[in-house]
Amino acid sequence: MGPQMKSRPSRLLLATLIACGTAAPAFPADRYALIVTGAAGGPEFARKYDEWRAALTAVLRARFGYPDDHVLVLADTSLPSIGKPTRENVRAALGELKTRASKDDLVLIVLIGHGNASDGADEDAKFNLIGPDLSAREWADLVKPIPGHLVFVNGASGSAPFLQALSARGRVVITATDTAAQQYETVFPEFFIRAFTTPEADADKDGVVSMWEAFAYASASVRTWYEQQGRLQTERPLLDDDGDGVGREALSPGSDGALASITRLEPGRPVVVSGDAQLTALLQRRAGLQAQIEQLRARRAEMPADRYDAQMEPLLLELAGIDAEVRSRQSSSPRH
């Protein structure tokens, strides 16, 4: 009787505070990205891949403020400032991310181009580069040493086997297809990139597009595109973020999505250090609590309800108290 009565107000408090917007999203310390557009295989594809790559680079650098040296680009282009998408250059770029990123950083890897998979096995599924390709298993081995929160997006044809190969706890993996047999050219990258510049993708209207929202928007847009073209849909995007290597479609039930829902490419607003040392300390503590809350929320599905409530309740209570203190100090501060 005792434990049941204790868990009831805990869940009520949790729901109330989250509904009031108290639990804000957590943001990593720094952000890095590697964008690879592989071997184009023709001028038509080259133009399309160039447009997608340029759009994504602009989102990260101009819109989200990523420093130029935090966005690494490899592409099948003649631009002297961009390296060729060769196996050696991919290894070098991933090696650089391994040394530069920390465990608190976010690392985004996006593959745009052609892929193939003969029977769906990890060693057979590949992303087409200039020269020898890298298999899904080789990509998995290369990204494994990279610290931080990894988001791996393979928007190429035949990308499905990459989901199982790259799947890991604490990692978001997205593929444009759900089977190795889907070998036709994909349109998923276009809509995935567009998600970060259209208000329509921001489903919860919090002003920031999460990885889940981008995935859901792109998935819906892919379906609409095929319907408008009057064509059979030959790509069905999947997302895995619970480490089981299975993944789910946006409209299908499944355990995936919790981590992707709190993972944002866009940096959060930094705590402004003011002349009020106590207020600054409160804001910094609040940011830390918000990060803990979001991390705990991402693990909710794998925890017993009582344990989840027991860990969440003190965080929310402290956060509510700090919010009250912040409002009090801000309202009493002289306005100039």
Protein backbone atom coordinates (compact mmCIF):
# COMPACT_ATOMS: atom_id res chain seq x y z
CA MET A 1 0.00 0.00 0.00
CA GLY A 2 2.78 2.38 0.95
CA PRO A 3 4.80 2.15 -2.31
CA GLN A 4 1.64 2.48 -4.41
CA MET A 5 0.56 5.66 -2.64
CA LYS A 6 4.05 7.12 -3.01
CA SER A 7 4.26 6.46 -6.77
CA ARG A 8 0.90 8.08 -7.54
CA PRO A 9 1.80 11.68 -6.57
CA SER A 10 5.23 11.20 -8.12
CA ARG A 11 3.74 10.47 -11.54
CA LEU A 12 1.23 13.30 -11.12
CA LEU A 13 4.01 15.74 -10.28
CA LEU A 14 6.03 14.51 -13.26
CA ALA A 15 3.15 14.99 -15.67
CA THR A 16 2.33 18.42 -14.27
CA LEU A 17 5.86 19.77 -14.46
CA ILE A 18 6.52 18.44 -17.94
CA ALA A 19 3.18 19.82 -19.16
CA CYS A 20 4.21 23.23 -17.83
CA GLY A 21 7.39 23.08 -19.89
CA THR A 22 9.72 22.74 -16.91
CA ALA A 23 11.76 19.90 -18.39
CA ALA A 24 13.53 21.63 -21.27
CA PRO A 25 15.72 19.73 -23.76
CA ALA A 26 19.32 18.97 -22.94
CA PHE A 27 22.10 20.06 -25.27
CA PRO A 28 25.61 18.69 -25.72
CA ALA A 29 28.75 20.71 -25.09
CA ASP A 30 29.83 20.93 -28.73
CA ARG A 31 28.81 19.67 -32.15
CA TYR A 32 30.62 18.14 -35.12
CA ALA A 33 29.44 16.81 -38.48
CA LEU A 34 30.79 14.73 -41.33
CA ILE A 35 28.86 14.94 -44.60
CA VAL A 36 29.82 12.47 -47.32
CA THR A 37 28.32 12.52 -50.80
CA GLY A 38 29.69 9.46 -52.52
CA ALA A 39 30.51 8.64 -56.10
CA ALA A 40 27.84 10.40 -58.17
CA GLY A 41 27.79 8.10 -61.17
CA GLY A 42 26.55 10.77 -63.55
CA PRO A 43 25.90 14.52 -63.93
CA GLU A 44 22.23 14.28 -62.93
CA PHE A 45 23.07 12.65 -59.62
CA ALA A 46 26.05 14.94 -59.11
CA ARG A 47 23.84 18.04 -59.36
CA LYS A 48 21.31 16.63 -56.93
CA TYR A 49 23.92 15.53 -54.40
CA ASP A 50 25.63 18.93 -54.63
CA GLU A 51 22.34 20.68 -53.85
CA TRP A 52 21.60 18.45 -50.87
CA ARG A 53 25.13 18.72 -49.52
CA ALA A 54 25.14 22.51 -49.86
CA ALA A 55 21.73 22.77 -48.17
CA LEU A 56 22.79 20.65 -45.21
CA THR A 57 26.10 22.48 -44.85
CA ALA A 58 24.25 25.80 -44.86
CA VAL A 59 21.86 24.59 -42.16
CA LEU A 60 24.70 23.53 -39.89
CA ARG A 61 27.01 26.50 -40.47
CA ALA A 62 24.74 29.45 -41.22
CA ARG A 63 21.55 28.50 -39.38
CA PHE A 64 22.89 26.53 -36.41
CA GLY A 65 26.24 28.29 -36.09
CA TYR A 66 28.58 25.32 -36.39
CA PRO A 67 32.16 26.60 -36.82
CA ASP A 68 33.53 25.88 -40.29
CA ASP A 69 36.14 23.47 -38.96
CA HIS A 70 33.43 21.49 -37.13
CA VAL A 71 31.74 20.52 -40.41
CA LEU A 72 33.85 18.07 -42.42
CA VAL A 73 32.79 17.50 -46.04
CA LEU A 74 33.80 14.87 -48.58
CA ALA A 75 32.21 14.96 -52.03
CA ASP A 76 32.57 13.91 -55.64
CA THR A 77 33.18 17.48 -56.82
CA SER A 78 35.93 19.57 -58.31
CA LEU A 79 35.84 22.17 -55.53
CA PRO A 80 39.38 22.45 -54.14
CA SER A 81 38.12 23.11 -50.61
CA ILE A 82 36.34 19.74 -50.41
CA GLY A 83 38.08 16.40 -50.18
CA LYS A 84 37.23 13.45 -52.38
CA PRO A 85 35.01 10.71 -50.91
CA THR A 86 37.65 8.00 -50.85
CA ARG A 87 38.08 5.26 -48.29
CA GLU A 88 41.31 6.85 -47.07
CA ASN A 89 39.71 10.29 -46.65
CA VAL A 90 36.74 8.83 -44.79
CA ARG A 91 39.08 7.07 -42.38
CA ALA A 92 41.06 10.27 -41.90
CA ALA A 93 37.93 12.33 -41.23
CA LEU A 94 36.56 9.83 -38.71
CA GLY A 95 39.98 9.67 -37.09
CA GLU A 96 39.90 13.44 -36.70
CA LEU A 97 36.47 13.28 -35.05
CA LYS A 98 37.77 10.62 -32.69
CA THR A 99 40.49 12.96 -31.43
CA ARG A 100 38.43 16.16 -31.35
CA ALA A 101 35.06 15.13 -29.95
CA SER A 102 34.47 14.55 -26.25
CA LYS A 103 31.96 12.28 -24.55
CA ASP A 104 29.54 15.19 -24.09
CA ASP A 105 29.60 16.29 -27.74
CA LEU A 106 27.22 15.44 -30.56
CA VAL A 107 28.66 13.94 -33.75
CA LEU A 108 26.49 13.83 -36.87
CA ILE A 109 27.43 11.63 -39.84
CA VAL A 110 25.35 11.83 -43.02
CA LEU A 111 25.84 9.70 -46.13
CA ILE A 112 24.25 10.86 -49.39
CA GLY A 113 24.58 8.88 -52.60
CA HIS A 114 24.37 5.35 -53.91
CA GLY A 115 24.58 2.15 -51.93
CA ASN A 116 24.16 -1.53 -52.53
CA ALA A 117 23.58 -4.71 -50.57
CA SER A 118 23.56 -8.11 -52.24
CA ASP A 119 21.93 -10.17 -49.50
CA GLY A 120 21.59 -7.80 -46.57
CA ALA A 121 24.64 -8.95 -44.66
CA ASP A 122 26.75 -6.27 -43.00
CA GLU A 123 29.83 -7.17 -45.00
CA ASP A 124 27.92 -6.98 -48.28
CA ALA A 125 26.10 -3.69 -47.71
CA LYS A 126 28.24 -0.78 -48.88
CA PHE A 127 28.12 2.95 -49.49
CA ASN A 128 29.66 3.83 -52.85
CA LEU A 129 32.84 5.90 -52.64
CA ILE A 130 35.43 6.82 -55.24
CA GLY A 131 37.63 3.76 -55.41
CA PRO A 132 37.18 0.90 -52.93
CA ASP A 133 34.02 1.16 -50.85
CA LEU A 134 33.49 0.67 -47.13
CA SER A 135 31.00 -1.91 -45.88
CA ALA A 136 28.46 -1.30 -43.12
CA ARG A 137 30.61 -3.33 -40.74
CA GLU A 138 33.69 -1.26 -41.61
CA TRP A 139 31.77 1.98 -40.97
CA ALA A 140 30.67 0.56 -37.62
CA ASP A 141 34.26 -0.25 -36.65
CA LEU A 142 35.44 3.22 -37.69
CA VAL A 143 32.84 5.14 -35.67
CA LYS A 144 33.05 2.93 -32.59
CA PRO A 145 36.01 4.82 -31.01
CA ILE A 146 34.36 8.23 -31.52
CA PRO A 147 33.18 9.56 -28.14
CA GLY A 148 30.02 11.55 -27.72
CA HIS A 149 26.43 11.22 -28.87
CA LEU A 150 26.47 9.79 -32.39
CA VAL A 151 23.76 10.37 -34.99
CA PHE A 152 24.38 8.26 -38.11
CA VAL A 153 22.17 8.87 -41.15
CA ASN A 154 22.57 6.76 -44.29
CA GLY A 155 20.29 8.26 -46.92
CA ALA A 156 21.48 6.01 -49.75
CA SER A 157 19.84 3.10 -51.54
CA GLY A 158 20.42 -0.32 -50.01
CA SER A 159 21.08 1.33 -46.64
CA ALA A 160 18.92 -0.93 -44.45
CA PRO A 161 21.73 -3.28 -43.30
CA PHE A 162 23.58 -0.25 -41.90
CA LEU A 163 20.94 0.04 -39.19
CA GLN A 164 21.79 -3.26 -37.57
CA ALA A 165 25.52 -2.81 -38.10
CA LEU A 166 25.65 0.70 -36.57
CA SER A 167 23.07 0.19 -33.83
CA ALA A 168 24.35 0.82 -30.29
CA ARG A 169 23.09 2.11 -26.96
CA GLY A 170 22.99 5.89 -26.82
CA ARG A 171 23.13 6.21 -30.61
CA VAL A 172 20.58 7.35 -33.20
CA VAL A 173 20.77 5.47 -36.52
CA ILE A 174 18.56 6.32 -39.52
CA THR A 175 18.41 4.58 -42.90
CA ALA A 176 16.45 5.54 -46.01
CA THR A 177 15.34 1.95 -46.64
CA ASP A 178 14.03 -0.91 -44.52
CA THR A 179 15.33 -3.80 -46.65
CA ALA A 180 18.49 -4.49 -48.60
CA ALA A 181 16.34 -5.14 -51.66
CA GLN A 182 15.42 -1.45 -51.93
CA GLN A 183 18.16 -0.55 -54.38
CA TYR A 184 16.52 2.33 -56.23
CA GLU A 185 17.63 5.95 -55.96
CA THR A 186 16.32 7.60 -52.78
CA VAL A 187 14.68 10.96 -52.12
CA PHE A 188 14.83 10.73 -48.32
CA PRO A 189 17.88 13.04 -47.93
CA GLU A 190 16.07 15.95 -49.60
CA PHE A 191 13.21 15.90 -47.10
CA PHE A 192 15.37 15.07 -44.10
CA ILE A 193 17.49 18.17 -44.75
CA ARG A 194 14.42 20.30 -45.44
CA ALA A 195 13.01 19.36 -42.03
CA PHE A 196 15.46 21.70 -40.31
CA THR A 197 14.24 24.75 -42.21
CA THR A 198 10.46 24.26 -42.29
CA PRO A 199 8.13 25.02 -39.35
CA GLU A 200 5.97 22.08 -40.43
CA ALA A 201 8.56 19.63 -39.11
CA ASP A 202 8.43 21.10 -35.59
CA ALA A 203 5.55 18.90 -34.44
CA ASP A 204 5.57 19.96 -30.79
CA LYS A 205 6.08 23.64 -31.70
CA ASP A 206 8.92 24.15 -29.24
CA GLY A 207 11.00 26.03 -31.81
CA VAL A 208 13.54 23.22 -32.30
CA VAL A 209 13.37 20.22 -34.65
CA SER A 210 14.49 17.02 -32.95
CA MET A 211 15.96 14.06 -34.80
CA TRP A 212 12.67 12.21 -34.37
CA GLU A 213 10.72 15.14 -35.81
CA ALA A 214 13.09 15.37 -38.78
CA PHE A 215 12.76 11.63 -39.35
CA ALA A 216 8.95 11.70 -39.08
CA TYR A 217 8.65 14.72 -41.39
CA ALA A 218 10.98 13.17 -43.99
CA SER A 219 9.17 9.83 -43.82
CA ALA A 220 5.79 11.47 -44.42
CA SER A 221 7.23 13.58 -47.24
CA VAL A 222 8.71 10.51 -48.90
CA ARG A 223 5.30 8.80 -48.88
CA THR A 224 3.65 11.90 -50.33
CA TRP A 225 6.30 12.23 -53.05
CA TYR A 226 5.74 8.66 -54.28
CA GLU A 227 1.96 9.15 -54.19
CA GLN A 228 2.23 12.32 -56.25
CA GLN A 229 4.54 10.59 -58.73
CA GLY A 230 2.11 7.70 -59.02
CA ARG A 231 4.93 5.28 -58.23
CA LEU A 232 5.32 2.30 -55.93
CA GLN A 233 7.20 3.42 -52.82
CA THR A 234 10.66 1.85 -52.99
CA GLU A 235 12.10 3.36 -49.81
CA ARG A 236 10.80 3.12 -46.26
CA PRO A 237 12.97 4.97 -43.72
CA LEU A 238 13.83 3.34 -40.40
CA LEU A 239 15.12 4.74 -37.09
CA ASP A 240 16.83 2.88 -34.27
CA ASP A 241 17.84 4.55 -31.00
CA ASP A 242 17.49 1.83 -28.36
CA GLY A 243 20.43 -0.26 -29.53
CA ASP A 244 18.50 -3.40 -30.52
CA GLY A 245 19.26 -3.09 -34.24
CA VAL A 246 15.63 -3.46 -35.28
CA GLY A 247 14.33 0.04 -35.90
CA ARG A 248 10.85 1.29 -36.72
CA GLU A 249 9.01 3.31 -39.31
CA ALA A 250 7.63 6.67 -38.18
CA LEU A 251 4.00 5.50 -38.13
CA SER A 252 4.67 2.02 -36.74
CA PRO A 253 4.68 1.08 -33.05
CA GLY A 254 7.98 0.32 -31.40
CA SER A 255 10.36 1.17 -28.59
CA ASP A 256 12.53 3.48 -30.69
CA GLY A 257 12.17 7.26 -30.65
CA ALA A 258 12.79 8.36 -27.05
CA LEU A 259 16.43 9.29 -27.54
CA ALA A 260 15.84 10.77 -31.00
CA SER A 261 13.08 12.97 -29.54
CA ILE A 262 15.55 14.76 -27.25
CA THR A 263 18.45 14.84 -29.71
CA ARG A 264 18.82 18.16 -31.50
CA LEU A 265 21.35 19.30 -34.07
CA GLU A 266 20.65 22.90 -33.14
CA PRO A 267 22.70 24.20 -30.20
CA GLY A 268 20.80 25.27 -27.14
CA ARG A 269 20.81 28.76 -25.82
CA PRO A 270 23.84 29.16 -23.55
CA VAL A 271 23.47 30.32 -19.97
CA VAL A 272 24.08 34.05 -19.94
CA VAL A 273 26.55 35.05 -17.26
CA SER A 274 25.13 38.15 -15.64
CA GLY A 275 26.37 40.53 -12.97
CA ASP A 276 24.25 38.59 -10.47
CA ALA A 277 26.51 35.72 -9.43
CA GLN A 278 23.72 33.92 -7.56
CA LEU A 279 21.36 34.11 -10.55
CA THR A 280 24.06 32.80 -12.87
CA ALA A 281 24.69 29.88 -10.50
CA LEU A 282 20.98 29.10 -10.41
CA LEU A 283 20.75 29.14 -14.22
CA GLN A 284 23.75 26.85 -14.54
CA ARG A 285 22.33 24.42 -11.98
CA ARG A 286 18.99 24.49 -13.79
CA ALA A 287 20.68 23.61 -17.08
CA GLY A 288 22.41 20.68 -15.39
CA LEU A 289 19.15 19.41 -13.92
CA GLN A 290 17.41 19.70 -17.26
CA ALA A 291 20.14 17.58 -18.85
CA GLN A 292 19.74 14.91 -16.16
CA ILE A 293 15.97 14.89 -16.59
CA GLU A 294 16.16 14.47 -20.35
CA GLN A 295 18.73 11.69 -20.06
CA LEU A 296 16.51 9.89 -17.55
CA ARG A 297 13.46 10.35 -19.77
CA ALA A 298 15.34 8.72 -22.65
CA ARG A 299 15.88 5.62 -20.47
CA ARG A 300 12.29 5.41 -19.24
CA ALA A 301 11.29 2.43 -21.38
CA GLU A 302 14.07 0.26 -19.96
CA MET A 303 13.44 1.07 -16.27
CA PRO A 304 10.84 -0.23 -13.77
CA ALA A 305 8.22 2.45 -13.12
CA ASP A 306 8.97 2.73 -9.39
CA ARG A 307 12.70 3.16 -10.02
CA TYR A 308 12.05 5.75 -12.70
CA ASP A 309 9.73 7.73 -10.40
CA ALA A 310 12.16 7.50 -7.50
CA GLN A 311 14.97 9.00 -9.60
CA MET A 312 12.82 11.55 -11.42
CA GLU A 313 10.89 13.05 -8.49
CA PRO A 314 13.82 14.66 -6.63
CA LEU A 315 15.16 16.13 -9.87
CA LEU A 316 11.80 17.71 -10.70
CA LEU A 317 11.30 18.99 -7.16
CA GLU A 318 14.70 20.66 -7.16
CA LEU A 319 14.10 22.04 -10.64
CA ALA A 320 10.75 23.49 -9.59
CA GLY A 321 12.40 25.17 -6.60
CA ILE A 322 15.17 26.63 -8.73
CA ASP A 323 12.65 27.90 -11.29
CA ALA A 324 10.81 29.71 -8.50
CA GLU A 325 14.07 31.26 -7.27
CA VAL A 326 15.03 32.33 -10.78
CA ARG A 327 11.66 33.99 -11.37
CA SER A 328 11.86 35.73 -8.02
CA ARG A 329 15.36 37.10 -8.63
CA GLN A 330 14.54 38.14 -12.21
CA SER A 331 11.36 39.94 -11.16
CA SER A 332 13.13 41.78 -8.36
CA SER A 333 16.14 42.80 -10.46
CA PRO A 334 16.18 46.48 -11.48
CA ARG A 335 15.29 47.03 -15.15
CA HIS A 336 17.28 49.50 -17.21
